[in-house]
């Protein structure tokens, strides 16, 4: 995209320089009422030839002006597309970041589920042995599991 924008800018600069050159030529050709020599090439110049040169330079100037408008329009369109492309790339990076957070949260959630299952299994084997401590730890794991579930729902 940047290469194309630069290419259009370069062509626009060339067209602008040529417009300036043609305007200078027209100014010289129109400048003196009875110019005996062509101010552009130095050859003898009569009124008829001078008028022909003026007409041809005016035609060229109109062509260049039309081309300049086309290039400016294209440059404007490309610049708008570049801005939109940047916006979409930023949005994509943001979504990718959210997806990576989701993966981390899911892994933590799975780890907590395994810990809970392990504690429940251990609790069933230790029936009556410091049950209050085990239940408190189980409650902490389940609270953390709930928090991670809420966080996952917010991401989704």
C-alpha atoms as a PDB file:
ATOM      1  CA  UNK A   1       0.000   0.000   0.000  1.00  0.00           C
ATOM      2  CA  UNK A   2       2.788   2.430   0.939  1.00  0.00           C
ATOM      3  CA  UNK A   3       4.631   1.663  -2.297  1.00  0.00           C
ATOM      4  CA  UNK A   4       1.537   2.522  -4.328  1.00  0.00           C
ATOM      5  CA  UNK A   5       0.946   5.733  -2.354  1.00  0.00           C
ATOM      6  CA  UNK A   6       4.574   6.770  -2.884  1.00  0.00           C
ATOM      7  CA  UNK A   7       4.316   5.981  -6.588  1.00  0.00           C
ATOM      8  CA  UNK A   8       1.226   8.191  -6.932  1.00  0.00           C
ATOM      9  CA  UNK A   9       2.934  10.979  -4.966  1.00  0.00           C
ATOM     10  CA  UNK A  10       5.983  10.801  -7.245  1.00  0.00           C
ATOM     11  CA  UNK A  11       3.844  10.939 -10.380  1.00  0.00           C
ATOM     12  CA  UNK A  12       1.863  13.824  -8.906  1.00  0.00           C
ATOM     13  CA  UNK A  13       5.115  15.719  -8.270  1.00  0.00           C
ATOM     14  CA  UNK A  14       6.200  15.118 -11.883  1.00  0.00           C
ATOM     15  CA  UNK A  15       2.821  16.294 -13.204  1.00  0.00           C
ATOM     16  CA  UNK A  16       2.932  19.410 -11.011  1.00  0.00           C
ATOM     17  CA  UNK A  17       6.434  20.215 -12.278  1.00  0.00           C
ATOM     18  CA  UNK A  18       5.302  19.796 -15.879  1.00  0.00           C
ATOM     19  CA  UNK A  19       2.246  22.000 -15.246  1.00  0.00           C
ATOM     20  CA  UNK A  20       4.548  24.698 -13.922  1.00  0.00           C
ATOM     21  CA  UNK A  21       6.787  24.321 -16.973  1.00  0.00           C
ATOM     22  CA  UNK A  22       3.872  24.534 -19.445  1.00  0.00           C
ATOM     23  CA  UNK A  23       2.460  27.573 -17.624  1.00  0.00           C
ATOM     24  CA  UNK A  24       5.882  29.243 -17.950  1.00  0.00           C
ATOM     25  CA  UNK A  25       5.973  28.425 -21.681  1.00  0.00           C
ATOM     26  CA  UNK A  26       2.487  29.895 -22.143  1.00  0.00           C
ATOM     27  CA  UNK A  27       3.494  33.000 -20.267  1.00  0.00           C
ATOM     28  CA  UNK A  28       6.526  33.440 -22.515  1.00  0.00           C
ATOM     29  CA  UNK A  29       4.523  32.804 -25.697  1.00  0.00           C
ATOM     30  CA  UNK A  30       1.814  35.273 -24.675  1.00  0.00           C
ATOM     31  CA  UNK A  31       4.269  37.760 -23.227  1.00  0.00           C
ATOM     32  CA  UNK A  32       5.338  40.009 -26.070  1.00  0.00           C
ATOM     33  CA  UNK A  33       2.836  41.233 -28.626  1.00  0.00           C
ATOM     34  CA  UNK A  34       5.116  40.699 -31.587  1.00  0.00           C
ATOM     35  CA  UNK A  35       7.702  38.103 -30.701  1.00  0.00           C
ATOM     36  CA  UNK A  36      10.100  37.506 -33.592  1.00  0.00           C
ATOM     37  CA  UNK A  37      11.791  34.428 -32.149  1.00  0.00           C
ATOM     38  CA  UNK A  38      10.280  31.550 -30.226  1.00  0.00           C
ATOM     39  CA  UNK A  39      11.131  32.032 -26.551  1.00  0.00           C
ATOM     40  CA  UNK A  40      11.216  28.227 -26.203  1.00  0.00           C
ATOM     41  CA  UNK A  41      13.483  27.127 -29.049  1.00  0.00           C
ATOM     42  CA  UNK A  42      14.823  30.354 -30.602  1.00  0.00           C
ATOM     43  CA  UNK A  43      13.593  29.763 -34.168  1.00  0.00           C
ATOM     44  CA  UNK A  44      11.797  32.501 -36.102  1.00  0.00           C
ATOM     45  CA  UNK A  45       8.203  32.894 -35.010  1.00  0.00           C
ATOM     46  CA  UNK A  46       5.251  34.524 -36.740  1.00  0.00           C
ATOM     47  CA  UNK A  47       1.830  35.197 -35.180  1.00  0.00           C
ATOM     48  CA  UNK A  48       0.258  32.084 -36.682  1.00  0.00           C
ATOM     49  CA  UNK A  49       2.946  29.767 -35.371  1.00  0.00           C
ATOM     50  CA  UNK A  50       2.870  31.521 -31.998  1.00  0.00           C
ATOM     51  CA  UNK A  51      -0.901  30.968 -31.820  1.00  0.00           C
ATOM     52  CA  UNK A  52      -0.485  27.287 -32.749  1.00  0.00           C
ATOM     53  CA  UNK A  53       2.097  26.883 -29.981  1.00  0.00           C
ATOM     54  CA  UNK A  54      -0.226  28.598 -27.484  1.00  0.00           C
ATOM     55  CA  UNK A  55      -3.114  26.310 -28.443  1.00  0.00           C
ATOM     56  CA  UNK A  56      -0.976  23.155 -28.209  1.00  0.00           C
ATOM     57  CA  UNK A  57       0.416  24.245 -24.804  1.00  0.00           C
ATOM     58  CA  UNK A  58      -3.120  25.004 -23.570  1.00  0.00           C
ATOM     59  CA  UNK A  59      -4.259  21.529 -24.656  1.00  0.00           C
ATOM     60  CA  UNK A  60      -1.293  19.987 -22.856  1.00  0.00           C
ATOM     61  CA  UNK A  61      -2.028  22.069 -19.761  1.00  0.00           C
ATOM     62  CA  UNK A  62      -5.642  20.846 -19.680  1.00  0.00           C
ATOM     63  CA  UNK A  63      -4.441  17.231 -20.016  1.00  0.00           C
ATOM     64  CA  UNK A  64      -2.008  17.722 -17.158  1.00  0.00           C
ATOM     65  CA  UNK A  65      -4.626  19.391 -14.970  1.00  0.00           C
ATOM     66  CA  UNK A  66      -7.004  16.481 -15.597  1.00  0.00           C
ATOM     67  CA  UNK A  67      -4.246  13.993 -14.753  1.00  0.00           C
ATOM     68  CA  UNK A  68      -3.415  15.915 -11.582  1.00  0.00           C
ATOM     69  CA  UNK A  69      -7.054  15.705 -10.460  1.00  0.00           C
ATOM     70  CA  UNK A  70      -7.080  11.946 -11.141  1.00  0.00           C
ATOM     71  CA  UNK A  71      -3.886  11.476  -9.141  1.00  0.00           C
ATOM     72  CA  UNK A  72      -5.132  13.598  -6.238  1.00  0.00           C
ATOM     73  CA  UNK A  73      -8.360  11.606  -6.143  1.00  0.00           C
ATOM     74  CA  UNK A  74      -6.450   8.323  -6.234  1.00  0.00           C
ATOM     75  CA  UNK A  75      -4.073   9.507  -3.516  1.00  0.00           C
ATOM     76  CA  UNK A  76      -7.009  10.493  -1.332  1.00  0.00           C
ATOM     77  CA  UNK A  77      -8.658   7.090  -1.845  1.00  0.00           C
ATOM     78  CA  UNK A  78      -5.409   5.218  -1.139  1.00  0.00           C
ATOM     79  CA  UNK A  79      -4.753   7.267   1.994  1.00  0.00           C
ATOM     80  CA  UNK A  80      -8.236   6.438   3.265  1.00  0.00           C
ATOM     81  CA  UNK A  81      -7.682   2.762   2.537  1.00  0.00           C
ATOM     82  CA  UNK A  82      -4.333   2.871   4.366  1.00  0.00           C
ATOM     83  CA  UNK A  83      -6.005   4.375   7.448  1.00  0.00           C
ATOM     84  CA  UNK A  84      -8.704   1.676   7.336  1.00  0.00           C
ATOM     85  CA  UNK A  85      -6.049  -1.025   6.920  1.00  0.00           C
ATOM     86  CA  UNK A  86      -4.179   0.275   9.985  1.00  0.00           C
ATOM     87  CA  UNK A  87      -7.424   0.281  11.981  1.00  0.00           C
ATOM     88  CA  UNK A  88      -8.180  -3.309  10.976  1.00  0.00           C
ATOM     89  CA  UNK A  89      -4.636  -4.446  11.822  1.00  0.00           C
ATOM     90  CA  UNK A  90      -4.932  -2.859  15.279  1.00  0.00           C
ATOM     91  CA  UNK A  91      -8.299  -4.545  15.793  1.00  0.00           C
ATOM     92  CA  UNK A  92      -6.810  -7.885  14.745  1.00  0.00           C
ATOM     93  CA  UNK A  93      -3.921  -7.498  17.211  1.00  0.00           C
ATOM     94  CA  UNK A  94      -6.420  -6.701  19.962  1.00  0.00           C
ATOM     95  CA  UNK A  95      -8.489  -9.791  19.160  1.00  0.00           C
ATOM     96  CA  UNK A  96      -5.369 -11.956  19.070  1.00  0.00           C
ATOM     97  CA  UNK A  97      -4.421 -10.585  22.509  1.00  0.00           C
ATOM     98  CA  UNK A  98      -7.858 -11.439  23.883  1.00  0.00           C
ATOM     99  CA  UNK A  99      -7.627 -14.950  22.420  1.00  0.00           C
ATOM    100  CA  UNK A 100      -4.263 -15.543  24.082  1.00  0.00           C
ATOM    101  CA  UNK A 101      -5.742 -14.387  27.413  1.00  0.00           C
ATOM    102  CA  UNK A 102      -8.596 -16.838  26.911  1.00  0.00           C
ATOM    103  CA  UNK A 103      -6.124 -19.697  26.372  1.00  0.00           C
ATOM    104  CA  UNK A 104      -4.299 -18.815  29.604  1.00  0.00           C
ATOM    105  CA  UNK A 105      -7.556 -18.574  31.565  1.00  0.00           C
ATOM    106  CA  UNK A 106      -8.769 -21.922  30.172  1.00  0.00           C
ATOM    107  CA  UNK A 107      -5.471 -23.578  31.156  1.00  0.00           C
ATOM    108  CA  UNK A 108      -5.721 -22.145  34.678  1.00  0.00           C
ATOM    109  CA  UNK A 109      -9.325 -23.279  34.872  1.00  0.00           C
ATOM    110  CA  UNK A 110      -8.410 -26.800  33.834  1.00  0.00           C
ATOM    111  CA  UNK A 111      -5.587 -26.869  36.403  1.00  0.00           C
ATOM    112  CA  UNK A 112      -7.974 -25.763  39.146  1.00  0.00           C
ATOM    113  CA  UNK A 113     -10.489 -28.423  38.149  1.00  0.00           C
ATOM    114  CA  UNK A 114      -7.769 -31.083  38.455  1.00  0.00           C
ATOM    115  CA  UNK A 115      -6.767 -29.713  41.873  1.00  0.00           C
ATOM    116  CA  UNK A 116     -10.400 -29.733  43.001  1.00  0.00           C
ATOM    117  CA  UNK A 117     -10.887 -33.312  41.814  1.00  0.00           C
ATOM    118  CA  UNK A 118      -7.664 -34.322  43.545  1.00  0.00           C
ATOM    119  CA  UNK A 119      -8.762 -32.656  46.787  1.00  0.00           C
ATOM    120  CA  UNK A 120     -12.183 -34.293  46.619  1.00  0.00           C
ATOM    121  CA  UNK A 121     -10.528 -37.667  46.115  1.00  0.00           C
ATOM    122  CA  UNK A 122      -8.150 -37.038  48.989  1.00  0.00           C
ATOM    123  CA  UNK A 123     -11.017 -35.812  51.149  1.00  0.00           C
ATOM    124  CA  UNK A 124     -12.952 -38.995  50.544  1.00  0.00           C
ATOM    125  CA  UNK A 125      -9.891 -41.073  51.530  1.00  0.00           C
ATOM    126  CA  UNK A 126      -9.241 -39.055  54.678  1.00  0.00           C
ATOM    127  CA  UNK A 127     -12.768 -39.242  55.963  1.00  0.00           C
ATOM    128  CA  UNK A 128     -12.752 -37.383  59.255  1.00  0.00           C
ATOM    129  CA  UNK A 129      -9.061 -36.416  59.195  1.00  0.00           C
ATOM    130  CA  UNK A 130      -8.753 -32.604  59.541  1.00  0.00           C
ATOM    131  CA  UNK A 131     -11.822 -32.267  57.395  1.00  0.00           C
ATOM    132  CA  UNK A 132     -12.236 -28.557  58.123  1.00  0.00           C
ATOM    133  CA  UNK A 133      -8.835 -27.647  56.608  1.00  0.00           C
ATOM    134  CA  UNK A 134      -9.499 -29.710  53.522  1.00  0.00           C
ATOM    135  CA  UNK A 135     -12.949 -28.184  53.070  1.00  0.00           C
ATOM    136  CA  UNK A 136     -11.503 -24.668  53.458  1.00  0.00           C
ATOM    137  CA  UNK A 137      -8.894 -25.365  50.777  1.00  0.00           C
ATOM    138  CA  UNK A 138     -11.568 -26.890  48.565  1.00  0.00           C
ATOM    139  CA  UNK A 139     -13.684 -23.765  49.028  1.00  0.00           C
ATOM    140  CA  UNK A 140     -10.723 -21.551  48.043  1.00  0.00           C
ATOM    141  CA  UNK A 141     -10.140 -23.604  44.890  1.00  0.00           C
ATOM    142  CA  UNK A 142     -13.836 -23.484  43.994  1.00  0.00           C
ATOM    143  CA  UNK A 143     -13.894 -19.691  44.552  1.00  0.00           C
ATOM    144  CA  UNK A 144     -10.882 -19.308  42.269  1.00  0.00           C
ATOM    145  CA  UNK A 145     -12.585 -21.580  39.742  1.00  0.00           C
ATOM    146  CA  UNK A 146     -15.709 -19.383  39.828  1.00  0.00           C
ATOM    147  CA  UNK A 147     -13.642 -16.239  39.404  1.00  0.00           C
ATOM    148  CA  UNK A 148     -11.874 -17.704  36.371  1.00  0.00           C
ATOM    149  CA  UNK A 149     -15.201 -18.842  34.898  1.00  0.00           C
ATOM    150  CA  UNK A 150     -16.530 -15.267  35.194  1.00  0.00           C
ATOM    151  CA  UNK A 151     -13.363 -13.901  33.616  1.00  0.00           C
ATOM    152  CA  UNK A 152     -13.680 -16.414  30.778  1.00  0.00           C
ATOM    153  CA  UNK A 153     -17.311 -15.404  30.222  1.00  0.00           C
ATOM    154  CA  UNK A 154     -16.271 -11.730  30.079  1.00  0.00           C
ATOM    155  CA  UNK A 155     -13.680 -12.569  27.425  1.00  0.00           C
ATOM    156  CA  UNK A 156     -16.123 -14.651  25.395  1.00  0.00           C
END
